[in-house]
């Protein structure tokens, strides 16, 4: 069965996000002074084959641990949906 996985990878809250700070500063320069903070992450969309949704979830979790996220400085979330 085909599944679609949406993976969001973000820096852990304790890790300084220099890119997010640059975005916040740029928004302030553009007049969006109400922005207190910005965090920048990655969005990864995968299409995969698996026998069922639980196994698709497990596969993508392993992918995140092996390659897609650095568990020392990043957190990730995975959302699996079936594809027609």
N, C-alpha and C. Protein backbone atom coordinates (compact mmCIF):
# COMPACT_ATOMS: atom_id res chain seq x y z
N UNK A 1 0.84 -1.18 0.00
CA UNK A 1 0.00 0.00 0.00
C UNK A 1 0.89 1.24 0.00
N UNK A 2 0.48 2.27 -0.72
CA UNK A 2 1.24 3.51 -0.79
C UNK A 2 0.83 4.46 0.33
N UNK A 3 1.83 5.10 0.91
CA UNK A 3 1.59 6.09 1.95
C UNK A 3 2.38 7.35 1.65
N UNK A 4 1.91 8.44 2.22
CA UNK A 4 2.59 9.72 2.13
C UNK A 4 2.99 10.09 3.55
N UNK A 5 4.24 10.48 3.72
CA UNK A 5 4.73 10.89 5.03
C UNK A 5 5.15 12.35 4.98
N UNK A 6 4.72 13.10 5.97
CA UNK A 6 5.16 14.49 6.13
C UNK A 6 6.03 14.53 7.38
N UNK A 7 7.27 14.96 7.22
CA UNK A 7 8.22 15.02 8.32
C UNK A 7 8.59 16.47 8.55
N UNK A 8 8.47 16.91 9.79
CA UNK A 8 8.89 18.26 10.16
C UNK A 8 10.05 18.13 11.14
N UNK A 9 11.18 18.70 10.78
CA UNK A 9 12.38 18.66 11.60
C UNK A 9 12.65 20.07 12.09
N UNK A 10 12.85 20.21 13.39
CA UNK A 10 13.13 21.53 13.95
C UNK A 10 14.22 21.42 15.01
N UNK A 11 14.91 22.51 15.22
CA UNK A 11 15.93 22.53 16.27
C UNK A 11 15.27 22.40 17.63
N UNK A 12 15.94 21.72 18.54
CA UNK A 12 15.43 21.62 19.91
C UNK A 12 15.37 23.02 20.51
N UNK A 13 14.43 23.25 21.43
CA UNK A 13 14.27 24.60 21.99
C UNK A 13 15.54 25.16 22.65
N UNK A 14 16.42 24.30 23.12
CA UNK A 14 17.63 24.77 23.79
C UNK A 14 18.76 25.12 22.83
N UNK A 15 18.57 24.84 21.53
CA UNK A 15 19.61 25.09 20.53
C UNK A 15 19.38 26.46 19.90
N UNK A 16 20.45 27.26 19.85
CA UNK A 16 20.37 28.58 19.24
C UNK A 16 20.06 28.43 17.75
N UNK A 17 19.06 29.16 17.27
CA UNK A 17 18.66 29.10 15.86
C UNK A 17 19.09 30.40 15.18
N UNK A 18 20.31 30.42 14.67
CA UNK A 18 20.84 31.64 14.04
C UNK A 18 20.01 32.04 12.82
N UNK A 19 19.57 31.06 12.04
CA UNK A 19 18.76 31.36 10.86
C UNK A 19 17.41 31.95 11.28
N UNK A 20 16.82 31.41 12.33
CA UNK A 20 15.56 31.96 12.84
C UNK A 20 15.73 33.38 13.34
N UNK A 21 16.85 33.64 13.99
CA UNK A 21 17.12 35.00 14.47
C UNK A 21 17.29 35.96 13.30
N UNK A 22 17.91 35.51 12.22
CA UNK A 22 18.05 36.34 11.03
C UNK A 22 16.69 36.65 10.42
N UNK A 23 15.81 35.66 10.39
CA UNK A 23 14.45 35.87 9.88
C UNK A 23 13.71 36.88 10.75
N UNK A 24 13.80 36.72 12.09
CA UNK A 24 13.13 37.65 12.99
C UNK A 24 13.63 39.08 12.79
N UNK A 25 14.95 39.24 12.68
CA UNK A 25 15.52 40.57 12.48
C UNK A 25 15.07 41.17 11.15
N UNK A 26 15.04 40.35 10.10
CA UNK A 26 14.58 40.83 8.80
C UNK A 26 13.12 41.27 8.83
N UNK A 27 12.31 40.50 9.52
CA UNK A 27 10.89 40.88 9.65
C UNK A 27 10.75 42.20 10.41
N UNK A 28 11.57 42.38 11.44
CA UNK A 28 11.54 43.65 12.18
C UNK A 28 11.91 44.81 11.26
N UNK A 29 12.93 44.60 10.43
CA UNK A 29 13.34 45.68 9.51
C UNK A 29 12.23 46.01 8.51
N UNK A 30 11.40 45.02 8.21
CA UNK A 30 10.29 45.25 7.28
C UNK A 30 9.05 45.82 7.97
N UNK A 31 9.15 46.04 9.27
CA UNK A 31 8.06 46.65 10.00
C UNK A 31 7.19 45.68 10.79
N UNK A 32 7.52 44.41 10.78
CA UNK A 32 6.75 43.42 11.53
C UNK A 32 7.35 43.27 12.93
N UNK A 33 7.25 44.35 13.71
CA UNK A 33 7.92 44.40 15.00
C UNK A 33 7.23 43.55 16.07
N UNK A 34 6.07 43.03 15.80
CA UNK A 34 5.37 42.19 16.76
C UNK A 34 5.89 40.77 16.81
N UNK A 35 6.80 40.42 15.90
CA UNK A 35 7.35 39.06 15.89
C UNK A 35 8.40 38.97 16.99
N UNK A 36 8.13 38.14 18.00
CA UNK A 36 9.05 37.98 19.13
C UNK A 36 10.17 36.99 18.83
N UNK A 37 9.86 35.95 18.04
CA UNK A 37 10.85 34.92 17.77
C UNK A 37 10.48 34.21 16.48
N UNK A 38 11.48 33.63 15.85
CA UNK A 38 11.27 32.81 14.65
C UNK A 38 12.20 31.61 14.75
N UNK A 39 11.69 30.44 14.39
CA UNK A 39 12.49 29.22 14.35
C UNK A 39 12.37 28.67 12.93
N UNK A 40 13.48 28.23 12.36
CA UNK A 40 13.49 27.71 11.00
C UNK A 40 13.77 26.21 11.07
N UNK A 41 13.01 25.44 10.29
CA UNK A 41 13.19 23.99 10.27
C UNK A 41 13.13 23.46 8.86
N UNK A 42 12.91 22.15 8.75
CA UNK A 42 12.83 21.49 7.44
C UNK A 42 11.51 20.76 7.34
N UNK A 43 10.94 20.76 6.14
CA UNK A 43 9.76 19.97 5.83
C UNK A 43 10.16 18.97 4.75
N UNK A 44 9.93 17.69 5.02
CA UNK A 44 10.30 16.64 4.07
C UNK A 44 9.06 15.82 3.78
N UNK A 45 8.75 15.63 2.51
CA UNK A 45 7.60 14.84 2.10
C UNK A 45 8.11 13.58 1.41
N UNK A 46 7.64 12.43 1.87
CA UNK A 46 8.07 11.15 1.32
C UNK A 46 6.86 10.37 0.82
N UNK A 47 7.06 9.62 -0.25
CA UNK A 47 6.08 8.66 -0.73
C UNK A 47 6.72 7.30 -0.56
N UNK A 48 6.01 6.36 0.09
CA UNK A 48 6.61 5.06 0.36
C UNK A 48 5.59 3.94 0.32
N UNK A 49 6.10 2.74 0.13
CA UNK A 49 5.29 1.52 0.15
C UNK A 49 5.47 0.86 1.50
N UNK A 50 4.39 0.37 2.08
CA UNK A 50 4.43 -0.38 3.33
C UNK A 50 3.16 -1.21 3.43
N UNK A 51 3.21 -2.32 4.17
CA UNK A 51 2.03 -3.17 4.30
C UNK A 51 0.85 -2.48 5.00
N UNK A 52 1.15 -1.61 5.98
CA UNK A 52 0.09 -0.89 6.70
C UNK A 52 0.65 0.41 7.27
N UNK A 53 -0.23 1.21 7.85
CA UNK A 53 0.16 2.54 8.33
C UNK A 53 1.16 2.45 9.49
N UNK A 54 1.00 1.47 10.36
CA UNK A 54 1.92 1.33 11.49
C UNK A 54 3.34 1.04 11.00
N UNK A 55 3.47 0.19 9.99
CA UNK A 55 4.80 -0.11 9.46
C UNK A 55 5.37 1.07 8.69
N UNK A 56 4.51 1.82 8.02
CA UNK A 56 4.97 3.04 7.34
C UNK A 56 5.51 4.03 8.37
N UNK A 57 4.80 4.19 9.47
CA UNK A 57 5.23 5.09 10.55
C UNK A 57 6.59 4.62 11.09
N UNK A 58 6.73 3.34 11.34
CA UNK A 58 7.98 2.80 11.88
C UNK A 58 9.14 3.01 10.90
N UNK A 59 8.89 2.82 9.61
CA UNK A 59 9.95 3.02 8.61
C UNK A 59 10.42 4.47 8.61
N UNK A 60 9.47 5.39 8.62
CA UNK A 60 9.83 6.81 8.55
C UNK A 60 10.53 7.24 9.85
N UNK A 61 10.10 6.70 10.98
CA UNK A 61 10.78 7.00 12.24
C UNK A 61 12.25 6.56 12.17
N UNK A 62 12.50 5.38 11.59
CA UNK A 62 13.88 4.90 11.43
C UNK A 62 14.66 5.81 10.48
N UNK A 63 14.00 6.25 9.39
CA UNK A 63 14.65 7.17 8.44
C UNK A 63 15.08 8.45 9.15
N UNK A 64 14.21 8.95 10.01
CA UNK A 64 14.54 10.18 10.75
C UNK A 64 15.73 9.95 11.66
N UNK A 65 15.74 8.83 12.36
CA UNK A 65 16.85 8.53 13.27
C UNK A 65 18.15 8.29 12.51
N UNK A 66 18.07 7.68 11.33
CA UNK A 66 19.26 7.33 10.56
C UNK A 66 19.82 8.48 9.72
N UNK A 67 18.95 9.35 9.19
CA UNK A 67 19.42 10.34 8.21
C UNK A 67 18.73 11.70 8.29
N UNK A 68 17.44 11.73 8.43
CA UNK A 68 16.69 12.97 8.21
C UNK A 68 16.83 13.99 9.34
N UNK A 69 17.11 13.53 10.55
CA UNK A 69 17.24 14.45 11.69
C UNK A 69 18.48 14.09 12.50
N UNK A 70 19.06 15.09 13.12
CA UNK A 70 20.18 14.89 14.03
C UNK A 70 19.59 14.87 15.44
N UNK A 71 19.48 13.70 16.07
CA UNK A 71 18.78 13.61 17.36
C UNK A 71 19.45 14.39 18.49
N UNK A 72 20.68 14.79 18.30
CA UNK A 72 21.37 15.56 19.34
C UNK A 72 20.83 16.99 19.41
N UNK A 73 20.53 17.58 18.24
CA UNK A 73 20.11 18.99 18.23
C UNK A 73 18.73 19.21 17.63
N UNK A 74 18.12 18.16 17.07
CA UNK A 74 16.83 18.34 16.38
C UNK A 74 15.75 17.40 16.92
N UNK A 75 14.53 17.89 16.87
CA UNK A 75 13.33 17.10 17.12
C UNK A 75 12.63 16.91 15.78
N UNK A 76 11.76 15.92 15.70
CA UNK A 76 11.00 15.73 14.47
C UNK A 76 9.61 15.19 14.80
N UNK A 77 8.70 15.42 13.87
CA UNK A 77 7.37 14.84 13.97
C UNK A 77 7.03 14.23 12.61
N UNK A 78 6.26 13.17 12.65
CA UNK A 78 5.91 12.43 11.43
C UNK A 78 4.40 12.29 11.35
N UNK A 79 3.85 12.58 10.19
CA UNK A 79 2.42 12.36 9.94
C UNK A 79 2.29 11.49 8.72
N UNK A 80 1.60 10.36 8.84
CA UNK A 80 1.41 9.40 7.77
C UNK A 80 -0.03 9.46 7.30
N UNK A 81 -0.20 9.46 5.99
CA UNK A 81 -1.54 9.38 5.43
C UNK A 81 -1.52 8.40 4.24
N UNK A 82 -2.65 7.74 4.00
CA UNK A 82 -2.77 6.84 2.87
C UNK A 82 -2.91 7.64 1.59
N UNK A 83 -2.50 7.05 0.47
CA UNK A 83 -2.64 7.69 -0.83
C UNK A 83 -3.61 6.88 -1.67
N UNK A 84 -4.46 7.59 -2.42
CA UNK A 84 -5.38 6.86 -3.30
C UNK A 84 -4.65 6.17 -4.43
